[in-house]
Every structure is written in C-alpha cells, then in structure tokens.
Amino acid sequence: MNGSLTTHVLNTATGLPAAGLVVRLAQLQEPGLQWRELAERHTDTDGRCRPLLAAGQAKAGTYKLRFETAEYWQRLGHTSFYPFVEVVFTIVDPVQKLHVPLLISPYSYTTYRGS
C-alpha cells in the first residue's frame, strides 16, 4: 500500500466534529529550511477532509499541519487562546498510511498519531 496523509478535527467542548476548519500542509525544504505549502483543505461536517497527501504522494521528510482554529472559534461565537495550531512531524516510511487527528477546545488542544 502506498502511504497517504489524513486528519480529522474534533471539538472537545461540544463533542462534535469541527466543520469548516481550514487545514494547510507544508513540507520543510532544504537548503534554507523554508516551508513550502503543498495543500489546503476545509474540514467537512464530519471534521474530515480529503487526504492532504494522496496515496503515493508521501515522501520522507519533515511536514507541518496548520489548523486555523481562531477563524473556526469566531464562527461559533467564541474567542480562542490559540489563533492556530501547528503540528510538526516527520515521515520516515512514506509507504505507511499516516493519520494525524486534532482535538480542540478554546483553551487546549491535543494531537496524536492515529491509524
């Protein structure tokens, strides 16, 4: 199986998926250590989006997911302590499927490597 990268976002304050949240994927480029944006998605009503890296697109390297949480919370009438959340991770084996979920509330977030 060729690797892919997916995510989903859950609003832990309500226990519901975080719909309409902007997610961006970037890869760290060398030399110079500059981030290059590869994809932008919006979460659907289930808090998920199309794969950020489709099957076969993943390459070894350092990546980051940027979740635009302030815009999401503003739409719900809340302020957020975190204007965005960036999750930086390394792909070592590009043939593995990677899933990086994010759990959010206005004053906290948690992430983990999912399956």
C-alpha atoms as a PDB file:
ATOM      1  CA  MET A   1       0.000   0.000   0.000  1.00  0.00           C
ATOM      2  CA  ASN A   2       1.259   3.487  -0.812  1.00  0.00           C
ATOM      3  CA  GLY A   3       1.224   5.971   2.027  1.00  0.00           C
ATOM      4  CA  SER A   4      -1.256   8.808   2.421  1.00  0.00           C
ATOM      5  CA  LEU A   5      -1.836  11.550   4.991  1.00  0.00           C
ATOM      6  CA  THR A   6      -5.218  12.245   6.559  1.00  0.00           C
ATOM      7  CA  THR A   7      -6.539  14.211   9.515  1.00  0.00           C
ATOM      8  CA  HIS A   8      -9.731  14.941  11.368  1.00  0.00           C
ATOM      9  CA  VAL A   9     -10.648  17.566  13.949  1.00  0.00           C
ATOM     10  CA  LEU A  10     -12.960  17.120  16.933  1.00  0.00           C
ATOM     11  CA  ASN A  11     -14.351  19.966  19.051  1.00  0.00           C
ATOM     12  CA  THR A  12     -13.999  18.527  22.559  1.00  0.00           C
ATOM     13  CA  ALA A  13     -16.063  21.366  24.079  1.00  0.00           C
ATOM     14  CA  THR A  14     -19.151  20.075  22.241  1.00  0.00           C
ATOM     15  CA  GLY A  15     -18.078  16.528  21.426  1.00  0.00           C
ATOM     16  CA  LEU A  16     -18.846  17.226  17.763  1.00  0.00           C
ATOM     17  CA  PRO A  17     -16.687  17.262  14.633  1.00  0.00           C
ATOM     18  CA  ALA A  18     -15.120  20.634  13.775  1.00  0.00           C
ATOM     19  CA  ALA A  19     -16.643  21.507  10.391  1.00  0.00           C
ATOM     20  CA  GLY A  20     -15.332  24.233   8.077  1.00  0.00           C
ATOM     21  CA  LEU A  21     -11.889  24.458   9.659  1.00  0.00           C
ATOM     22  CA  VAL A  22      -9.018  25.356   7.293  1.00  0.00           C
ATOM     23  CA  VAL A  23      -6.089  22.904   7.304  1.00  0.00           C
ATOM     24  CA  ARG A  24      -2.827  23.532   5.457  1.00  0.00           C
ATOM     25  CA  LEU A  25       0.029  21.111   4.810  1.00  0.00           C
ATOM     26  CA  ALA A  26       3.610  22.275   4.264  1.00  0.00           C
ATOM     27  CA  GLN A  27       6.921  20.473   3.834  1.00  0.00           C
ATOM     28  CA  LEU A  28      10.277  21.685   5.134  1.00  0.00           C
ATOM     29  CA  GLN A  29      12.594  22.301   2.183  1.00  0.00           C
ATOM     30  CA  GLU A  30      16.370  22.234   2.285  1.00  0.00           C
ATOM     31  CA  PRO A  31      18.650  24.071   1.862  1.00  0.00           C
ATOM     32  CA  GLY A  32      17.461  27.121   3.746  1.00  0.00           C
ATOM     33  CA  LEU A  33      14.831  25.358   5.843  1.00  0.00           C
ATOM     34  CA  GLN A  34      11.860  27.080   4.201  1.00  0.00           C
ATOM     35  CA  TRP A  35       8.312  25.745   4.424  1.00  0.00           C
ATOM     36  CA  ARG A  36       6.591  25.026   1.099  1.00  0.00           C
ATOM     37  CA  GLU A  37       2.812  24.740   1.180  1.00  0.00           C
ATOM     38  CA  LEU A  38       1.550  21.581  -0.515  1.00  0.00           C
ATOM     39  CA  ALA A  39      -2.195  21.554   0.163  1.00  0.00           C
ATOM     40  CA  GLU A  40      -5.096  23.423   1.711  1.00  0.00           C
ATOM     41  CA  ARG A  41      -8.348  21.774   2.743  1.00  0.00           C
ATOM     42  CA  HIS A  42     -11.524  22.548   4.686  1.00  0.00           C
ATOM     43  CA  THR A  43     -12.977  20.006   7.086  1.00  0.00           C
ATOM     44  CA  ASP A  44     -16.409  18.642   6.205  1.00  0.00           C
ATOM     45  CA  THR A  45     -19.385  18.112   8.514  1.00  0.00           C
ATOM     46  CA  ASP A  46     -17.616  15.040   9.938  1.00  0.00           C
ATOM     47  CA  GLY A  47     -14.472  17.077  10.759  1.00  0.00           C
ATOM     48  CA  ARG A  48     -12.538  15.331   7.977  1.00  0.00           C
ATOM     49  CA  CYS A  49     -11.118  16.453   4.662  1.00  0.00           C
ATOM     50  CA  ARG A  50      -9.801  14.860   1.504  1.00  0.00           C
ATOM     51  CA  PRO A  51      -6.324  13.347   2.038  1.00  0.00           C
ATOM     52  CA  LEU A  52      -3.620  16.013   2.308  1.00  0.00           C
ATOM     53  CA  LEU A  53      -1.256  13.606   0.581  1.00  0.00           C
ATOM     54  CA  ALA A  54      -2.971  11.094  -1.660  1.00  0.00           C
ATOM     55  CA  ALA A  55      -1.754   7.504  -1.923  1.00  0.00           C
ATOM     56  CA  GLY A  56       1.746   7.500  -3.380  1.00  0.00           C
ATOM     57  CA  GLN A  57       2.426  11.240  -2.815  1.00  0.00           C
ATOM     58  CA  ALA A  58       4.172  10.977   0.553  1.00  0.00           C
ATOM     59  CA  LYS A  59       7.936  11.360   0.643  1.00  0.00           C
ATOM     60  CA  ALA A  60      10.304  11.104   3.593  1.00  0.00           C
ATOM     61  CA  GLY A  61      10.800  14.457   5.309  1.00  0.00           C
ATOM     62  CA  THR A  62       9.502  16.961   7.839  1.00  0.00           C
ATOM     63  CA  TYR A  63       5.972  18.308   7.462  1.00  0.00           C
ATOM     64  CA  LYS A  64       3.553  20.512   9.354  1.00  0.00           C
ATOM     65  CA  LEU A  65      -0.195  20.715   9.517  1.00  0.00           C
ATOM     66  CA  ARG A  66      -1.537  24.181  10.309  1.00  0.00           C
ATOM     67  CA  PHE A  67      -5.086  24.306  11.644  1.00  0.00           C
ATOM     68  CA  GLU A  68      -6.734  27.768  11.525  1.00  0.00           C
ATOM     69  CA  THR A  69      -8.536  27.495  14.856  1.00  0.00           C
ATOM     70  CA  ALA A  70      -9.242  31.215  15.525  1.00  0.00           C
ATOM     71  CA  GLU A  71     -11.487  31.517  12.450  1.00  0.00           C
ATOM     72  CA  TYR A  72     -13.328  28.358  13.453  1.00  0.00           C
ATOM     73  CA  TRP A  73     -13.986  29.533  17.034  1.00  0.00           C
ATOM     74  CA  GLN A  74     -15.012  33.029  15.861  1.00  0.00           C
ATOM     75  CA  ARG A  75     -17.709  31.471  13.665  1.00  0.00           C
ATOM     76  CA  LEU A  76     -19.037  29.713  16.775  1.00  0.00           C
ATOM     77  CA  GLY A  77     -19.037  32.948  18.777  1.00  0.00           C
ATOM     78  CA  HIS A  78     -16.011  32.087  20.934  1.00  0.00           C
ATOM     79  CA  THR A  79     -12.551  33.504  21.353  1.00  0.00           C
ATOM     80  CA  SER A  80      -9.609  31.139  21.299  1.00  0.00           C
ATOM     81  CA  PHE A  81      -6.352  31.261  23.205  1.00  0.00           C
ATOM     82  CA  TYR A  82      -4.625  29.629  20.218  1.00  0.00           C
ATOM     83  CA  PRO A  83      -5.016  31.557  16.925  1.00  0.00           C
ATOM     84  CA  PHE A  84      -3.790  28.472  15.071  1.00  0.00           C
ATOM     85  CA  VAL A  85      -2.296  25.081  15.856  1.00  0.00           C
ATOM     86  CA  GLU A  86       0.775  23.770  14.056  1.00  0.00           C
ATOM     87  CA  VAL A  87       1.669  20.100  14.302  1.00  0.00           C
ATOM     88  CA  VAL A  88       5.156  19.289  13.001  1.00  0.00           C
ATOM     89  CA  PHE A  89       6.009  15.658  12.282  1.00  0.00           C
ATOM     90  CA  THR A  90       8.440  13.516  10.314  1.00  0.00           C
ATOM     91  CA  ILE A  91       7.570  10.965   7.671  1.00  0.00           C
ATOM     92  CA  VAL A  92      10.198   8.238   7.838  1.00  0.00           C
ATOM     93  CA  ASP A  93       8.441   5.480   5.901  1.00  0.00           C
ATOM     94  CA  PRO A  94       6.459   7.042   3.021  1.00  0.00           C
ATOM     95  CA  VAL A  95       4.542   3.832   2.278  1.00  0.00           C
ATOM     96  CA  GLN A  96       2.732   3.898   5.630  1.00  0.00           C
ATOM     97  CA  LYS A  97      -0.680   5.498   5.945  1.00  0.00           C
ATOM     98  CA  LEU A  98      -0.449   8.439   8.341  1.00  0.00           C
ATOM     99  CA  HIS A  99      -3.393   9.887  10.248  1.00  0.00           C
ATOM    100  CA  VAL A 100      -2.876  12.963  12.470  1.00  0.00           C
ATOM    101  CA  PRO A 101      -6.049  13.859  14.422  1.00  0.00           C
ATOM    102  CA  LEU A 102      -6.525  17.090  16.372  1.00  0.00           C
ATOM    103  CA  LEU A 103      -8.779  17.547  19.403  1.00  0.00           C
ATOM    104  CA  ILE A 104      -9.562  21.204  20.151  1.00  0.00           C
ATOM    105  CA  SER A 105     -11.281  23.431  22.692  1.00  0.00           C
ATOM    106  CA  PRO A 106     -10.908  27.206  23.031  1.00  0.00           C
ATOM    107  CA  TYR A 107      -8.107  26.776  25.600  1.00  0.00           C
ATOM    108  CA  SER A 108      -6.429  23.479  24.746  1.00  0.00           C
ATOM    109  CA  TYR A 109      -5.525  21.065  22.001  1.00  0.00           C
ATOM    110  CA  THR A 110      -4.230  17.512  21.731  1.00  0.00           C
ATOM    111  CA  THR A 111      -2.837  15.565  18.820  1.00  0.00           C
ATOM    112  CA  TYR A 112      -1.555  12.051  18.298  1.00  0.00           C
ATOM    113  CA  ARG A 113      -0.555   9.662  15.570  1.00  0.00           C
ATOM    114  CA  GLY A 114      -3.702   7.817  14.647  1.00  0.00           C
ATOM    115  CA  SER A 115      -4.316   4.835  12.411  1.00  0.00           C
END
